[in-house]
Amino acid sequence: MNNKLYVGNLSYDTTEAKLRELFSQAGTIRSVAIPMDRMTNQPRGFAFVEMETPADALKAIKTCNGQMVDGREIKVNEAKPMEARTGGGGGGSSSGGDRGPRRSTQNRW
């Protein structure tokens, strides 16, 4: 069992302090991270909580999963390792391709 937990279905109002209060019932917390959206600078609706031991993490899942926090039923499970990102992102290619017939943007009245 991993010590790092994924906490989903969070309200945008949920704070790190509130998560620390909830998860401390299960054991010692190493860290709490609430990722922020780059565009809006608001929370993304999930968090990562790292517990001190695997036993604490398992207890936290049993204790905290399904709890109501800020009006939302949170989901707690073991965090999956982050997959390696490939380069790129962004728009499509400029190589063209078969897009079908082009249509005029002018009205035909």
C-alpha atoms as a PDB file:
ATOM      1  CA  MET A   1       0.000   0.000   0.000  1.00  0.00           C
ATOM      2  CA  ASN A   2       1.196   3.460  -0.942  1.00  0.00           C
ATOM      3  CA  ASN A   3       1.188   6.258   1.671  1.00  0.00           C
ATOM      4  CA  LYS A   4      -0.199   8.775  -0.837  1.00  0.00           C
ATOM      5  CA  LEU A   5      -3.976   9.127  -1.173  1.00  0.00           C
ATOM      6  CA  TYR A   6      -6.175  10.706  -3.809  1.00  0.00           C
ATOM      7  CA  VAL A   7      -9.113  12.678  -2.396  1.00  0.00           C
ATOM      8  CA  GLY A   8     -11.782  13.417  -4.978  1.00  0.00           C
ATOM      9  CA  ASN A   9     -15.119  15.221  -5.258  1.00  0.00           C
ATOM     10  CA  LEU A  10     -13.946  18.130  -3.120  1.00  0.00           C
ATOM     11  CA  SER A  11     -15.797  21.396  -2.871  1.00  0.00           C
ATOM     12  CA  TYR A  12     -13.842  24.397  -4.142  1.00  0.00           C
ATOM     13  CA  ASP A  13     -14.250  25.770  -0.600  1.00  0.00           C
ATOM     14  CA  THR A  14     -12.373  22.892   1.055  1.00  0.00           C
ATOM     15  CA  THR A  15      -9.102  24.031   2.610  1.00  0.00           C
ATOM     16  CA  GLU A  16      -5.870  22.278   3.479  1.00  0.00           C
ATOM     17  CA  ALA A  17      -6.642  22.883   7.164  1.00  0.00           C
ATOM     18  CA  LYS A  18      -9.998  21.110   6.868  1.00  0.00           C
ATOM     19  CA  LEU A  19      -8.366  18.108   5.177  1.00  0.00           C
ATOM     20  CA  ARG A  20      -5.655  17.980   7.836  1.00  0.00           C
ATOM     21  CA  GLU A  21      -8.319  17.996  10.547  1.00  0.00           C
ATOM     22  CA  LEU A  22     -10.244  15.143   8.906  1.00  0.00           C
ATOM     23  CA  PHE A  23      -7.281  12.928   8.002  1.00  0.00           C
ATOM     24  CA  SER A  24      -5.476  13.418  11.322  1.00  0.00           C
ATOM     25  CA  GLN A  25      -8.168  11.155  12.830  1.00  0.00           C
ATOM     26  CA  ALA A  26      -6.546   8.284  10.913  1.00  0.00           C
ATOM     27  CA  GLY A  27      -2.916   8.976  11.781  1.00  0.00           C
ATOM     28  CA  THR A  28       0.039  11.236  11.117  1.00  0.00           C
ATOM     29  CA  ILE A  29      -0.051  13.329   7.944  1.00  0.00           C
ATOM     30  CA  ARG A  30       3.130  14.035   5.968  1.00  0.00           C
ATOM     31  CA  SER A  31       1.628  16.456   3.444  1.00  0.00           C
ATOM     32  CA  VAL A  32      -1.543  17.829   1.885  1.00  0.00           C
ATOM     33  CA  ALA A  33      -1.641  19.265  -1.632  1.00  0.00           C
ATOM     34  CA  ILE A  34      -4.649  20.839  -3.341  1.00  0.00           C
ATOM     35  CA  PRO A  35      -3.787  21.400  -7.038  1.00  0.00           C
ATOM     36  CA  MET A  36      -4.921  24.705  -8.517  1.00  0.00           C
ATOM     37  CA  ASP A  37      -6.173  25.340 -12.043  1.00  0.00           C
ATOM     38  CA  ARG A  38      -3.620  27.432 -13.956  1.00  0.00           C
ATOM     39  CA  MET A  39      -6.222  29.437 -15.840  1.00  0.00           C
ATOM     40  CA  THR A  40      -8.656  30.280 -13.028  1.00  0.00           C
ATOM     41  CA  ASN A  41      -6.328  29.923 -10.033  1.00  0.00           C
ATOM     42  CA  GLN A  42      -9.093  27.999  -8.258  1.00  0.00           C
ATOM     43  CA  PRO A  43      -8.862  24.510  -6.737  1.00  0.00           C
ATOM     44  CA  ARG A  44      -9.381  21.668  -9.226  1.00  0.00           C
ATOM     45  CA  GLY A  45     -11.731  19.692  -6.946  1.00  0.00           C
ATOM     46  CA  PHE A  46      -9.299  17.074  -5.694  1.00  0.00           C
ATOM     47  CA  ALA A  47      -6.300  16.762  -3.385  1.00  0.00           C
ATOM     48  CA  PHE A  48      -3.457  14.471  -2.428  1.00  0.00           C
ATOM     49  CA  VAL A  49      -2.868  13.542   1.194  1.00  0.00           C
ATOM     50  CA  GLU A  50       0.295  11.686   2.144  1.00  0.00           C
ATOM     51  CA  MET A  51       0.131   9.733   5.378  1.00  0.00           C
ATOM     52  CA  GLU A  52       3.134   8.726   7.501  1.00  0.00           C
ATOM     53  CA  THR A  53       2.718   4.953   7.119  1.00  0.00           C
ATOM     54  CA  PRO A  54       0.852   2.531   4.858  1.00  0.00           C
ATOM     55  CA  ALA A  55      -1.229   1.510   7.883  1.00  0.00           C
ATOM     56  CA  ASP A  56      -2.263   5.155   8.415  1.00  0.00           C
ATOM     57  CA  ALA A  57      -3.150   5.429   4.723  1.00  0.00           C
ATOM     58  CA  LEU A  58      -5.341   2.323   4.872  1.00  0.00           C
ATOM     59  CA  LYS A  59      -7.051   3.607   8.019  1.00  0.00           C
ATOM     60  CA  ALA A  60      -7.611   6.982   6.332  1.00  0.00           C
ATOM     61  CA  ILE A  61      -9.335   5.312   3.372  1.00  0.00           C
ATOM     62  CA  LYS A  62     -11.633   3.374   5.717  1.00  0.00           C
ATOM     63  CA  THR A  63     -12.295   6.403   7.933  1.00  0.00           C
ATOM     64  CA  CYS A  64     -12.599   9.243   5.418  1.00  0.00           C
ATOM     65  CA  ASN A  65     -14.028   7.717   2.222  1.00  0.00           C
ATOM     66  CA  GLY A  66     -17.664   8.742   1.899  1.00  0.00           C
ATOM     67  CA  GLN A  67     -17.472  11.477   4.547  1.00  0.00           C
ATOM     68  CA  MET A  68     -19.367  14.710   3.932  1.00  0.00           C
ATOM     69  CA  VAL A  69     -16.958  17.656   3.667  1.00  0.00           C
ATOM     70  CA  ASP A  70     -18.304  21.108   2.774  1.00  0.00           C
ATOM     71  CA  GLY A  71     -21.520  19.558   1.463  1.00  0.00           C
ATOM     72  CA  ARG A  72     -19.812  16.964  -0.789  1.00  0.00           C
ATOM     73  CA  GLU A  73     -19.296  13.226  -0.286  1.00  0.00           C
ATOM     74  CA  ILE A  74     -15.561  12.803  -0.762  1.00  0.00           C
ATOM     75  CA  LYS A  75     -13.893   9.809  -2.394  1.00  0.00           C
ATOM     76  CA  VAL A  76     -10.628   8.584  -0.915  1.00  0.00           C
ATOM     77  CA  ASN A  77      -8.411   5.910  -2.435  1.00  0.00           C
ATOM     78  CA  GLU A  78      -4.784   5.081  -3.038  1.00  0.00           C
ATOM     79  CA  ALA A  79      -3.137   7.543  -5.414  1.00  0.00           C
ATOM     80  CA  LYS A  80      -1.889   6.025  -8.644  1.00  0.00           C
ATOM     81  CA  PRO A  81       1.651   6.875  -9.748  1.00  0.00           C
ATOM     82  CA  MET A  82       1.796   9.817 -12.128  1.00  0.00           C
ATOM     83  CA  GLU A  83       2.227   8.685 -15.721  1.00  0.00           C
ATOM     84  CA  ALA A  84       5.094  10.122 -17.709  1.00  0.00           C
ATOM     85  CA  ARG A  85       3.947  12.970 -19.901  1.00  0.00           C
ATOM     86  CA  THR A  86       4.831  13.002 -23.540  1.00  0.00           C
ATOM     87  CA  GLY A  87       5.903  16.214 -25.221  1.00  0.00           C
ATOM     88  CA  GLY A  88       3.511  18.257 -27.242  1.00  0.00           C
ATOM     89  CA  GLY A  89       0.049  19.250 -26.323  1.00  0.00           C
ATOM     90  CA  GLY A  90      -1.742  22.049 -27.994  1.00  0.00           C
ATOM     91  CA  GLY A  91      -3.407  22.159 -31.382  1.00  0.00           C
ATOM     92  CA  GLY A  92      -3.556  19.737 -34.252  1.00  0.00           C
ATOM     93  CA  SER A  93      -1.142  19.387 -37.079  1.00  0.00           C
ATOM     94  CA  SER A  94      -0.882  21.798 -39.943  1.00  0.00           C
ATOM     95  CA  SER A  95      -0.290  19.042 -42.450  1.00  0.00           C
ATOM     96  CA  GLY A  96      -3.789  19.300 -43.842  1.00  0.00           C
ATOM     97  CA  GLY A  97      -5.288  15.939 -44.601  1.00  0.00           C
ATOM     98  CA  ASP A  98      -8.644  15.087 -46.095  1.00  0.00           C
ATOM     99  CA  ARG A  99     -11.172  17.341 -44.419  1.00  0.00           C
ATOM    100  CA  GLY A 100     -13.833  17.078 -47.088  1.00  0.00           C
ATOM    101  CA  PRO A 101     -15.098  19.834 -49.361  1.00  0.00           C
ATOM    102  CA  ARG A 102     -14.577  23.414 -48.296  1.00  0.00           C
ATOM    103  CA  ARG A 103     -17.629  25.548 -47.816  1.00  0.00           C
ATOM    104  CA  SER A 104     -17.924  29.205 -48.467  1.00  0.00           C
ATOM    105  CA  THR A 105     -18.403  31.434 -45.453  1.00  0.00           C
ATOM    106  CA  GLN A 106     -20.546  33.835 -47.469  1.00  0.00           C
ATOM    107  CA  ASN A 107     -24.308  33.665 -47.308  1.00  0.00           C
ATOM    108  CA  ARG A 108     -25.996  32.571 -50.493  1.00  0.00           C
ATOM    109  CA  TRP A 109     -29.253  34.500 -50.603  1.00  0.00           C
END
